[in-house]
Amino acid sequence: RLVDAPLVEGAVAAVVTASAGADLDAVAA
């Protein structure tokens, strides 16, 4: 999925959220 997010801040948020076991919807959000 293409995620509408800023690259740097969004990347950090995505990786942190994914590392907590979140699903793709939560990571994208």
PDB file of all heavy atoms in Angstrom:
ATOM      1  N   ARG A   1       0.827  -1.207   0.000  1.00  0.00           N
ATOM      2  CA  ARG A   1       0.000   0.000   0.000  1.00  0.00           C
ATOM      3  C   ARG A   1       0.862   1.258   0.000  1.00  0.00           C
ATOM      4  O   ARG A   1       1.813   1.367   0.772  1.00  0.00           O
ATOM      5  CB  ARG A   1      -0.874   0.007   1.253  1.00  0.00           C
ATOM      6  CG  ARG A   1      -1.781   1.211   1.341  1.00  0.00           C
ATOM      7  CD  ARG A   1      -2.524   1.308   2.647  1.00  0.00           C
ATOM      8  NE  ARG A   1      -3.264   0.096   2.947  1.00  0.00           N
ATOM      9  CZ  ARG A   1      -3.947  -0.085   4.076  1.00  0.00           C
ATOM     10  NH1 ARG A   1      -3.985   0.872   4.988  1.00  0.00           N
ATOM     11  NH2 ARG A   1      -4.592  -1.207   4.289  1.00  0.00           N
ATOM     12  N   LEU A   2       0.497   2.195  -0.859  1.00  0.00           N
ATOM     13  CA  LEU A   2       1.095   3.521  -0.835  1.00  0.00           C
ATOM     14  C   LEU A   2       0.505   4.265   0.357  1.00  0.00           C
ATOM     15  O   LEU A   2      -0.712   4.340   0.513  1.00  0.00           O
ATOM     16  CB  LEU A   2       0.788   4.274  -2.130  1.00  0.00           C
ATOM     17  CG  LEU A   2       1.245   5.719  -2.206  1.00  0.00           C
ATOM     18  CD1 LEU A   2       2.757   5.840  -2.083  1.00  0.00           C
ATOM     19  CD2 LEU A   2       0.764   6.345  -3.508  1.00  0.00           C
ATOM     20  N   VAL A   3       1.373   4.791   1.209  1.00  0.00           N
ATOM     21  CA  VAL A   3       0.933   5.476   2.416  1.00  0.00           C
ATOM     22  C   VAL A   3       1.171   6.971   2.246  1.00  0.00           C
ATOM     23  O   VAL A   3       2.276   7.398   1.921  1.00  0.00           O
ATOM     24  CB  VAL A   3       1.696   4.950   3.657  1.00  0.00           C
ATOM     25  CG1 VAL A   3       1.324   5.734   4.899  1.00  0.00           C
ATOM     26  CG2 VAL A   3       1.409   3.463   3.848  1.00  0.00           C
ATOM     27  N   ASP A   4       0.127   7.758   2.461  1.00  0.00           N
ATOM     28  CA  ASP A   4       0.226   9.209   2.370  1.00  0.00           C
ATOM     29  C   ASP A   4       0.791   9.724   3.681  1.00  0.00           C
ATOM     30  O   ASP A   4       0.078   9.851   4.680  1.00  0.00           O
ATOM     31  CB  ASP A   4      -1.154   9.801   2.094  1.00  0.00           C
ATOM     32  CG  ASP A   4      -1.106  11.311   1.895  1.00  0.00           C
ATOM     33  OD1 ASP A   4       0.005  11.859   1.697  1.00  0.00           O
ATOM     34  OD2 ASP A   4      -2.171  11.933   1.938  1.00  0.00           O
ATOM     35  N   ALA A   5       2.111   9.978   3.679  1.00  0.00           N
ATOM     36  CA  ALA A   5       2.801  10.403   4.893  1.00  0.00           C
ATOM     37  C   ALA A   5       4.092  11.108   4.513  1.00  0.00           C
ATOM     38  O   ALA A   5       4.651  10.845   3.445  1.00  0.00           O
ATOM     39  CB  ALA A   5       3.117   9.187   5.761  1.00  0.00           C
ATOM     40  N   PRO A   6       4.588  11.965   5.392  1.00  0.00           N
ATOM     41  CA  PRO A   6       5.909  12.545   5.147  1.00  0.00           C
ATOM     42  C   PRO A   6       6.955  11.437   5.261  1.00  0.00           C
ATOM     43  O   PRO A   6       6.821  10.538   6.088  1.00  0.00           O
ATOM     44  CB  PRO A   6       6.052  13.586   6.261  1.00  0.00           C
ATOM     45  CG  PRO A   6       5.122  13.141   7.335  1.00  0.00           C
ATOM     46  CD  PRO A   6       3.994  12.430   6.645  1.00  0.00           C
ATOM     47  N   LEU A   7       7.981  11.516   4.442  1.00  0.00           N
ATOM     48  CA  LEU A   7       8.939  10.407   4.376  1.00  0.00           C
ATOM     49  C   LEU A   7       9.654  10.155   5.702  1.00  0.00           C
ATOM     50  O   LEU A   7       9.623   9.034   6.213  1.00  0.00           O
ATOM     51  CB  LEU A   7       9.955  10.638   3.265  1.00  0.00           C
ATOM     52  CG  LEU A   7      10.946   9.495   3.056  1.00  0.00           C
ATOM     53  CD1 LEU A   7      10.241   8.220   2.620  1.00  0.00           C
ATOM     54  CD2 LEU A   7      12.014   9.888   2.055  1.00  0.00           C
ATOM     55  N   VAL A   8      10.289  11.150   6.281  1.00  0.00           N
ATOM     56  CA  VAL A   8      11.111  10.912   7.468  1.00  0.00           C
ATOM     57  C   VAL A   8      10.249  10.635   8.698  1.00  0.00           C
ATOM     58  O   VAL A   8      10.377   9.579   9.330  1.00  0.00           O
ATOM     59  CB  VAL A   8      12.077  12.084   7.723  1.00  0.00           C
ATOM     60  CG1 VAL A   8      12.857  11.876   9.013  1.00  0.00           C
ATOM     61  CG2 VAL A   8      13.033  12.233   6.553  1.00  0.00           C
ATOM     62  N   GLU A   9       9.381  11.565   9.059  1.00  0.00           N
ATOM     63  CA  GLU A   9       8.558  11.387  10.250  1.00  0.00           C
ATOM     64  C   GLU A   9       7.626  10.187  10.097  1.00  0.00           C
ATOM     65  O   GLU A   9       7.403   9.425  11.039  1.00  0.00           O
ATOM     66  CB  GLU A   9       7.728  12.641  10.545  1.00  0.00           C
ATOM     67  CG  GLU A   9       8.557  13.853  10.901  1.00  0.00           C
ATOM     68  CD  GLU A   9       8.885  14.721   9.682  1.00  0.00           C
ATOM     69  OE1 GLU A   9       8.938  14.214   8.545  1.00  0.00           O
ATOM     70  OE2 GLU A   9       9.097  15.938   9.881  1.00  0.00           O
ATOM     71  N   GLY A  10       7.090  10.023   8.894  1.00  0.00           N
ATOM     72  CA  GLY A  10       6.208   8.888   8.636  1.00  0.00           C
ATOM     73  C   GLY A  10       6.931   7.561   8.744  1.00  0.00           C
ATOM     74  O   GLY A  10       6.381   6.577   9.239  1.00  0.00           O
ATOM     75  N   ALA A  11       8.178   7.525   8.278  1.00  0.00           N
ATOM     76  CA  ALA A  11       8.963   6.289   8.366  1.00  0.00           C
ATOM     77  C   ALA A  11       9.182   5.894   9.817  1.00  0.00           C
ATOM     78  O   ALA A  11       9.023   4.718  10.178  1.00  0.00           O
ATOM     79  CB  ALA A  11      10.300   6.466   7.655  1.00  0.00           C
ATOM     80  N   VAL A  12       9.536   6.856  10.645  1.00  0.00           N
ATOM     81  CA  VAL A  12       9.748   6.559  12.060  1.00  0.00           C
ATOM     82  C   VAL A  12       8.451   6.049  12.686  1.00  0.00           C
ATOM     83  O   VAL A  12       8.440   5.023  13.375  1.00  0.00           O
ATOM     84  CB  VAL A  12      10.285   7.792  12.819  1.00  0.00           C
ATOM     85  CG1 VAL A  12      10.335   7.532  14.325  1.00  0.00           C
ATOM     86  CG2 VAL A  12      11.670   8.173  12.288  1.00  0.00           C
ATOM     87  N   ALA A  13       7.351   6.738  12.441  1.00  0.00           N
ATOM     88  CA  ALA A  13       6.067   6.319  13.002  1.00  0.00           C
ATOM     89  C   ALA A  13       5.664   4.929  12.495  1.00  0.00           C
ATOM     90  O   ALA A  13       5.172   4.100  13.260  1.00  0.00           O
ATOM     91  CB  ALA A  13       4.989   7.344  12.660  1.00  0.00           C
ATOM     92  N   ALA A  14       5.891   4.671  11.213  1.00  0.00           N
ATOM     93  CA  ALA A  14       5.536   3.370  10.639  1.00  0.00           C
ATOM     94  C   ALA A  14       6.350   2.249  11.266  1.00  0.00           C
ATOM     95  O   ALA A  14       5.802   1.196  11.652  1.00  0.00           O
ATOM     96  CB  ALA A  14       5.736   3.391   9.121  1.00  0.00           C
ATOM     97  N   VAL A  15       7.638   2.442  11.380  1.00  0.00           N
ATOM     98  CA  VAL A  15       8.508   1.392  11.925  1.00  0.00           C
ATOM     99  C   VAL A  15       8.207   1.157  13.408  1.00  0.00           C
ATOM    100  O   VAL A  15       8.113   0.009  13.850  1.00  0.00           O
ATOM    101  CB  VAL A  15       9.995   1.722  11.681  1.00  0.00           C
ATOM    102  CG1 VAL A  15      10.900   0.745  12.423  1.00  0.00           C
ATOM    103  CG2 VAL A  15      10.299   1.685  10.188  1.00  0.00           C
ATOM    104  N   VAL A  16       8.035   2.230  14.176  1.00  0.00           N
ATOM    105  CA  VAL A  16       7.712   2.069  15.592  1.00  0.00           C
ATOM    106  C   VAL A  16       6.382   1.335  15.755  1.00  0.00           C
ATOM    107  O   VAL A  16       6.257   0.409  16.564  1.00  0.00           O
ATOM    108  CB  VAL A  16       7.688   3.438  16.308  1.00  0.00           C
ATOM    109  CG1 VAL A  16       7.071   3.331  17.706  1.00  0.00           C
ATOM    110  CG2 VAL A  16       9.102   4.008  16.386  1.00  0.00           C
ATOM    111  N   THR A  17       5.391   1.716  14.984  1.00  0.00           N
ATOM    112  CA  THR A  17       4.070   1.095  15.089  1.00  0.00           C
ATOM    113  C   THR A  17       4.108  -0.358  14.636  1.00  0.00           C
ATOM    114  O   THR A  17       3.532  -1.239  15.287  1.00  0.00           O
ATOM    115  CB  THR A  17       3.038   1.904  14.278  1.00  0.00           C
ATOM    116  OG1 THR A  17       3.052   3.259  14.749  1.00  0.00           O
ATOM    117  CG2 THR A  17       1.639   1.339  14.428  1.00  0.00           C
ATOM    118  N   ALA A  18       4.795  -0.627  13.539  1.00  0.00           N
ATOM    119  CA  ALA A  18       4.927  -2.010  13.069  1.00  0.00           C
ATOM    120  C   ALA A  18       5.675  -2.863  14.087  1.00  0.00           C
ATOM    121  O   ALA A  18       5.342  -4.044  14.292  1.00  0.00           O
ATOM    122  CB  ALA A  18       5.627  -2.050  11.711  1.00  0.00           C
ATOM    123  N   SER A  19       6.662  -2.281  14.768  1.00  0.00           N
ATOM    124  CA  SER A  19       7.435  -3.041  15.747  1.00  0.00           C
ATOM    125  C   SER A  19       6.596  -3.429  16.961  1.00  0.00           C
ATOM    126  O   SER A  19       6.922  -4.375  17.671  1.00  0.00           O
ATOM    127  CB  SER A  19       8.683  -2.278  16.183  1.00  0.00           C
ATOM    128  OG  SER A  19       8.353  -1.183  16.998  1.00  0.00           O
ATOM    129  N   ALA A  20       5.496  -2.709  17.171  1.00  0.00           N
ATOM    130  CA  ALA A  20       4.591  -3.042  18.270  1.00  0.00           C
ATOM    131  C   ALA A  20       3.594  -4.128  17.864  1.00  0.00           C
ATOM    132  O   ALA A  20       2.731  -4.500  18.658  1.00  0.00           O
ATOM    133  CB  ALA A  20       3.843  -1.791  18.721  1.00  0.00           C
ATOM    134  N   GLY A  21       3.700  -4.613  16.628  1.00  0.00           N
ATOM    135  CA  GLY A  21       2.825  -5.690  16.174  1.00  0.00           C
ATOM    136  C   GLY A  21       1.552  -5.229  15.498  1.00  0.00           C
ATOM    137  O   GLY A  21       0.653  -6.020  15.254  1.00  0.00           O
ATOM    138  N   ALA A  22       1.468  -3.946  15.184  1.00  0.00           N
ATOM    139  CA  ALA A  22       0.259  -3.404  14.564  1.00  0.00           C
ATOM    140  C   ALA A  22       0.080  -3.926  13.143  1.00  0.00           C
ATOM    141  O   ALA A  22       1.047  -4.311  12.475  1.00  0.00           O
ATOM    142  CB  ALA A  22       0.331  -1.880  14.550  1.00  0.00           C
ATOM    143  N   ASP A  23      -1.170  -3.904  12.687  1.00  0.00           N
ATOM    144  CA  ASP A  23      -1.464  -4.329  11.317  1.00  0.00           C
ATOM    145  C   ASP A  23      -1.215  -3.178  10.343  1.00  0.00           C
ATOM    146  O   ASP A  23      -0.896  -2.058  10.747  1.00  0.00           O
ATOM    147  CB  ASP A  23      -2.884  -4.874  11.200  1.00  0.00           C
ATOM    148  CG  ASP A  23      -3.976  -3.841  11.444  1.00  0.00           C
ATOM    149  OD1 ASP A  23      -3.685  -2.624  11.534  1.00  0.00           O
ATOM    150  OD2 ASP A  23      -5.148  -4.254  11.533  1.00  0.00           O
ATOM    151  N   LEU A  24      -1.387  -3.465   9.051  1.00  0.00           N
ATOM    152  CA  LEU A  24      -1.087  -2.482   8.015  1.00  0.00           C
ATOM    153  C   LEU A  24      -1.944  -1.222   8.145  1.00  0.00           C
ATOM    154  O   LEU A  24      -1.442  -0.110   7.941  1.00  0.00           O
ATOM    155  CB  LEU A  24      -1.251  -3.105   6.625  1.00  0.00           C
ATOM    156  CG  LEU A  24      -0.920  -2.219   5.436  1.00  0.00           C
ATOM    157  CD1 LEU A  24       0.515  -1.701   5.504  1.00  0.00           C
ATOM    158  CD2 LEU A  24      -1.154  -2.977   4.134  1.00  0.00           C
ATOM    159  N   ASP A  25      -3.205  -1.368   8.498  1.00  0.00           N
ATOM    160  CA  ASP A  25      -4.061  -0.187   8.659  1.00  0.00           C
ATOM    161  C   ASP A  25      -3.519   0.738   9.749  1.00  0.00           C
ATOM    162  O   ASP A  25      -3.477   1.957   9.578  1.00  0.00           O
ATOM    163  CB  ASP A  25      -5.505  -0.584   9.001  1.00  0.00           C
ATOM    164  CG  ASP A  25      -6.251  -1.192   7.825  1.00  0.00           C
ATOM    165  OD1 ASP A  25      -5.862  -0.931   6.668  1.00  0.00           O
ATOM    166  OD2 ASP A  25      -7.225  -1.925   8.069  1.00  0.00           O
ATOM    167  N   ALA A  26      -3.108   0.173  10.869  1.00  0.00           N
ATOM    168  CA  ALA A  26      -2.589   0.977  11.980  1.00  0.00           C
ATOM    169  C   ALA A  26      -1.239   1.597  11.624  1.00  0.00           C
ATOM    170  O   ALA A  26      -0.966   2.740  11.988  1.00  0.00           O
ATOM    171  CB  ALA A  26      -2.472   0.129  13.241  1.00  0.00           C
ATOM    172  N   VAL A  27      -0.407   0.859  10.917  1.00  0.00           N
ATOM    173  CA  VAL A  27       0.892   1.381  10.496  1.00  0.00           C
ATOM    174  C   VAL A  27       0.689   2.564   9.555  1.00  0.00           C
ATOM    175  O   VAL A  27       1.323   3.616   9.702  1.00  0.00           O
ATOM    176  CB  VAL A  27       1.749   0.275   9.842  1.00  0.00           C
ATOM    177  CG1 VAL A  27       2.981   0.848   9.166  1.00  0.00           C
ATOM    178  CG2 VAL A  27       2.143  -0.772  10.877  1.00  0.00           C
ATOM    179  N   ALA A  28      -0.217   2.411   8.590  1.00  0.00           N
ATOM    180  CA  ALA A  28      -0.502   3.494   7.647  1.00  0.00           C
ATOM    181  C   ALA A  28      -1.086   4.704   8.369  1.00  0.00           C
ATOM    182  O   ALA A  28      -0.712   5.855   8.078  1.00  0.00           O
ATOM    183  CB  ALA A  28      -1.463   3.006   6.560  1.00  0.00           C
ATOM    184  N   ALA A  29      -1.979   4.480   9.308  1.00  0.00           N
ATOM    185  CA  ALA A  29      -2.584   5.588  10.057  1.00  0.00           C
ATOM    186  C   ALA A  29      -1.534   6.337  10.878  1.00  0.00           C
ATOM    187  O   ALA A  29      -1.513   7.568  10.891  1.00  0.00           O
ATOM    188  CB  ALA A  29      -3.703   5.073  10.963  1.00  0.00           C
TER     189      ALA A  29
END
